[in-house]
């Protein structure tokens, strides 16, 4: 297990009460809530991984709405004539 260091900080009483209430709601200690909040805040700045799938179609053409409807992949709109 990794050793932890003690940290002392100041906060408004209302903020501390809200944090303690949230920790109770989650069933974790106040310290665990603070640690997870720090992790989440610091990881928010980290670069996000690229998606594994392509955002754009490469080559070929996109199927038209008619082609999707006729193939059953898109339900027809009742107001559209076929």
N, C-alpha and C. Protein backbone atom coordinates (compact mmCIF):
# COMPACT_ATOMS: atom_id res chain seq x y z
N UNK A 1 0.84 -1.18 0.00
CA UNK A 1 0.00 0.00 0.00
C UNK A 1 0.88 1.24 0.00
N UNK A 2 0.47 2.23 -0.74
CA UNK A 2 1.22 3.47 -0.83
C UNK A 2 1.00 4.30 0.43
N UNK A 3 2.07 4.89 0.93
CA UNK A 3 1.91 5.75 2.10
C UNK A 3 1.28 7.06 1.68
N UNK A 4 0.51 7.64 2.58
CA UNK A 4 -0.18 8.89 2.29
C UNK A 4 0.38 9.98 3.18
N UNK A 5 0.29 11.19 2.68
CA UNK A 5 0.72 12.36 3.45
C UNK A 5 -0.51 13.10 3.93
N UNK A 6 -0.38 13.69 5.08
CA UNK A 6 -1.46 14.47 5.66
C UNK A 6 -1.47 15.85 5.00
N UNK A 7 -2.65 16.35 4.69
CA UNK A 7 -2.79 17.69 4.11
C UNK A 7 -3.76 18.48 4.98
N UNK A 8 -3.44 19.73 5.18
CA UNK A 8 -4.31 20.61 5.96
C UNK A 8 -4.73 21.74 5.03
N UNK A 9 -6.03 22.00 4.99
CA UNK A 9 -6.52 23.08 4.15
C UNK A 9 -7.65 23.80 4.87
N UNK A 10 -7.94 24.98 4.39
CA UNK A 10 -9.02 25.77 4.97
C UNK A 10 -10.17 25.84 3.97
N UNK A 11 -11.38 25.79 4.49
CA UNK A 11 -12.57 25.90 3.65
C UNK A 11 -13.70 26.48 4.50
N UNK A 12 -14.66 27.05 3.81
CA UNK A 12 -15.82 27.61 4.50
C UNK A 12 -16.59 26.48 5.18
N UNK A 13 -17.20 26.75 6.33
CA UNK A 13 -17.95 25.71 7.05
C UNK A 13 -19.04 25.08 6.18
N UNK A 14 -19.73 25.89 5.37
CA UNK A 14 -20.80 25.34 4.52
C UNK A 14 -20.24 24.33 3.51
N UNK A 15 -19.09 24.64 2.94
CA UNK A 15 -18.47 23.73 1.98
C UNK A 15 -18.09 22.42 2.65
N UNK A 16 -17.52 22.49 3.84
CA UNK A 16 -17.15 21.28 4.58
C UNK A 16 -18.38 20.46 4.94
N UNK A 17 -19.46 21.12 5.34
CA UNK A 17 -20.69 20.40 5.67
C UNK A 17 -21.25 19.70 4.44
N UNK A 18 -21.22 20.38 3.29
CA UNK A 18 -21.72 19.76 2.06
C UNK A 18 -20.87 18.56 1.68
N UNK A 19 -19.55 18.68 1.85
CA UNK A 19 -18.65 17.58 1.53
C UNK A 19 -18.88 16.39 2.47
N UNK A 20 -19.06 16.65 3.76
CA UNK A 20 -19.32 15.57 4.70
C UNK A 20 -20.65 14.87 4.40
N UNK A 21 -21.65 15.68 4.03
CA UNK A 21 -22.95 15.10 3.68
C UNK A 21 -22.82 14.22 2.43
N UNK A 22 -22.09 14.69 1.42
CA UNK A 22 -21.89 13.91 0.20
C UNK A 22 -21.15 12.61 0.49
N UNK A 23 -20.15 12.67 1.37
CA UNK A 23 -19.41 11.46 1.73
C UNK A 23 -20.35 10.46 2.40
N UNK A 24 -21.21 10.93 3.31
CA UNK A 24 -22.18 10.02 3.95
C UNK A 24 -23.11 9.42 2.92
N UNK A 25 -23.59 10.23 1.96
CA UNK A 25 -24.50 9.74 0.91
C UNK A 25 -23.84 8.64 0.09
N UNK A 26 -22.56 8.78 -0.16
CA UNK A 26 -21.83 7.80 -0.97
C UNK A 26 -21.31 6.62 -0.14
N UNK A 27 -21.38 6.76 1.16
CA UNK A 27 -20.90 5.68 2.03
C UNK A 27 -19.39 5.59 2.08
N UNK A 28 -18.72 6.74 1.94
CA UNK A 28 -17.26 6.77 2.01
C UNK A 28 -16.84 7.78 3.07
N UNK A 29 -15.58 7.73 3.43
CA UNK A 29 -15.08 8.69 4.41
C UNK A 29 -14.89 10.06 3.75
N UNK A 30 -14.81 11.08 4.58
CA UNK A 30 -14.55 12.43 4.10
C UNK A 30 -13.22 12.45 3.34
N UNK A 31 -12.20 11.78 3.90
CA UNK A 31 -10.88 11.75 3.26
C UNK A 31 -10.95 11.11 1.87
N UNK A 32 -11.72 10.03 1.75
CA UNK A 32 -11.86 9.36 0.45
C UNK A 32 -12.56 10.27 -0.55
N UNK A 33 -13.56 11.01 -0.11
CA UNK A 33 -14.24 11.95 -1.00
C UNK A 33 -13.27 13.03 -1.49
N UNK A 34 -12.44 13.55 -0.60
CA UNK A 34 -11.47 14.57 -0.98
C UNK A 34 -10.46 13.98 -1.96
N UNK A 35 -9.94 12.78 -1.68
CA UNK A 35 -8.97 12.15 -2.59
C UNK A 35 -9.57 11.93 -3.97
N UNK A 36 -10.78 11.39 -4.03
CA UNK A 36 -11.39 11.13 -5.35
C UNK A 36 -11.70 12.43 -6.08
N UNK A 37 -12.07 13.47 -5.34
CA UNK A 37 -12.31 14.77 -5.97
C UNK A 37 -11.03 15.35 -6.55
N UNK A 38 -9.93 15.23 -5.82
CA UNK A 38 -8.64 15.69 -6.33
C UNK A 38 -8.25 14.92 -7.58
N UNK A 39 -8.41 13.61 -7.55
CA UNK A 39 -8.07 12.78 -8.71
C UNK A 39 -8.90 13.20 -9.92
N UNK A 40 -10.20 13.37 -9.73
CA UNK A 40 -11.08 13.75 -10.82
C UNK A 40 -10.69 15.12 -11.38
N UNK A 41 -10.42 16.07 -10.51
CA UNK A 41 -10.03 17.42 -10.94
C UNK A 41 -8.72 17.40 -11.71
N UNK A 42 -7.74 16.66 -11.22
CA UNK A 42 -6.43 16.64 -11.87
C UNK A 42 -6.45 15.83 -13.15
N UNK A 43 -7.27 14.81 -13.23
CA UNK A 43 -7.37 14.02 -14.46
C UNK A 43 -8.19 14.74 -15.53
N UNK A 44 -8.96 15.74 -15.16
CA UNK A 44 -9.77 16.48 -16.13
C UNK A 44 -8.86 17.22 -17.11
N UNK A 45 -7.65 17.57 -16.69
CA UNK A 45 -6.72 18.27 -17.56
C UNK A 45 -5.93 17.33 -18.47
N UNK A 46 -5.98 16.05 -18.18
CA UNK A 46 -5.20 15.09 -18.97
C UNK A 46 -5.80 14.96 -20.37
N UNK A 47 -4.97 14.73 -21.37
CA UNK A 47 -5.50 14.56 -22.73
C UNK A 47 -6.37 13.31 -22.79
N UNK A 48 -7.47 13.43 -23.50
CA UNK A 48 -8.38 12.29 -23.63
C UNK A 48 -7.90 11.37 -24.75
N UNK A 49 -8.07 10.06 -24.59
CA UNK A 49 -7.62 9.15 -25.64
C UNK A 49 -8.48 9.32 -26.90
N UNK A 50 -7.85 9.08 -28.04
CA UNK A 50 -8.57 9.16 -29.31
C UNK A 50 -9.58 8.02 -29.38
N UNK A 51 -10.74 8.25 -29.99
CA UNK A 51 -11.71 7.17 -30.12
C UNK A 51 -11.16 6.06 -31.00
N UNK A 52 -11.59 4.86 -30.75
CA UNK A 52 -11.11 3.71 -31.53
C UNK A 52 -11.81 3.60 -32.88
N UNK A 53 -12.94 4.21 -33.02
CA UNK A 53 -13.66 4.17 -34.29
C UNK A 53 -13.50 5.51 -35.00
N UNK A 54 -13.65 5.49 -36.28
CA UNK A 54 -13.50 6.70 -37.07
C UNK A 54 -14.72 7.59 -36.91
N UNK A 55 -14.49 8.89 -36.82
CA UNK A 55 -15.60 9.82 -36.75
C UNK A 55 -16.14 10.14 -38.13
N UNK A 56 -15.36 9.84 -39.16
CA UNK A 56 -15.76 10.14 -40.52
C UNK A 56 -15.71 8.87 -41.35
N UNK A 57 -16.57 8.79 -42.31
CA UNK A 57 -16.59 7.63 -43.19
C UNK A 57 -15.50 7.81 -44.23
N UNK A 58 -14.70 6.80 -44.45
CA UNK A 58 -13.64 6.90 -45.44
C UNK A 58 -14.07 6.20 -46.72
N UNK A 59 -14.11 6.97 -47.78
CA UNK A 59 -14.47 6.40 -49.08
C UNK A 59 -15.95 6.06 -49.16
N UNK A 60 -16.42 5.86 -50.35
CA UNK A 60 -17.82 5.49 -50.54
C UNK A 60 -18.75 6.64 -50.22
N UNK A 61 -20.03 6.38 -50.30
CA UNK A 61 -20.99 7.42 -50.00
C UNK A 61 -21.88 6.98 -48.86
N UNK A 62 -22.45 7.92 -48.18
CA UNK A 62 -23.39 7.61 -47.11
C UNK A 62 -24.70 7.16 -47.74
N UNK A 63 -25.37 6.20 -47.13
CA UNK A 63 -26.67 5.79 -47.68
C UNK A 63 -27.69 6.92 -47.53
N UNK A 64 -28.56 7.02 -48.51
CA UNK A 64 -29.59 8.04 -48.44
C UNK A 64 -30.68 7.61 -47.46
N UNK A 65 -31.54 8.56 -47.10
CA UNK A 65 -32.66 8.23 -46.21
C UNK A 65 -33.54 7.17 -46.84
N UNK A 66 -33.76 7.25 -48.15
CA UNK A 66 -34.58 6.24 -48.85
C UNK A 66 -33.93 4.86 -48.75
N UNK A 67 -32.61 4.80 -48.96
CA UNK A 67 -31.92 3.51 -48.87
C UNK A 67 -32.00 2.95 -47.45
N UNK A 68 -31.85 3.80 -46.46
CA UNK A 68 -31.96 3.33 -45.07
C UNK A 68 -33.37 2.83 -44.78
N UNK A 69 -34.38 3.56 -45.26
CA UNK A 69 -35.77 3.17 -45.03
C UNK A 69 -36.08 1.85 -45.71
N UNK A 70 -35.67 1.73 -46.97
CA UNK A 70 -35.95 0.51 -47.73
C UNK A 70 -35.22 -0.71 -47.18
N UNK A 71 -34.05 -0.49 -46.59
CA UNK A 71 -33.30 -1.61 -46.02
C UNK A 71 -33.81 -1.99 -44.63
N UNK A 72 -34.72 -1.17 -44.06
CA UNK A 72 -35.26 -1.46 -42.74
C UNK A 72 -34.42 -0.91 -41.61
N UNK A 73 -33.36 -0.17 -41.91
CA UNK A 73 -32.50 0.38 -40.87
C UNK A 73 -33.02 1.71 -40.34
N UNK A 74 -34.01 2.29 -40.98
CA UNK A 74 -34.58 3.55 -40.52
C UNK A 74 -36.08 3.48 -40.73
N UNK A 75 -36.89 3.67 -39.71
CA UNK A 75 -38.34 3.59 -39.89
C UNK A 75 -38.84 4.73 -40.78
N UNK A 76 -39.80 4.45 -41.65
CA UNK A 76 -40.31 5.51 -42.52
C UNK A 76 -41.12 6.52 -41.73
N UNK A 77 -41.10 7.77 -42.16
CA UNK A 77 -41.92 8.79 -41.54
C UNK A 77 -43.30 8.73 -42.18
N UNK A 78 -44.32 8.79 -41.36
CA UNK A 78 -45.68 8.64 -41.86
C UNK A 78 -46.07 9.74 -42.83
N UNK A 79 -45.48 10.91 -42.69
CA UNK A 79 -45.85 12.03 -43.55
C UNK A 79 -45.07 12.06 -44.84
N UNK A 80 -44.03 11.23 -44.97
CA UNK A 80 -43.22 11.23 -46.18
C UNK A 80 -43.77 10.22 -47.18
N UNK A 81 -43.96 10.65 -48.43
CA UNK A 81 -44.42 9.70 -49.45
C UNK A 81 -43.21 8.94 -49.98
N UNK A 82 -43.41 7.67 -50.34
CA UNK A 82 -42.26 6.89 -50.80
C UNK A 82 -42.13 6.86 -52.27
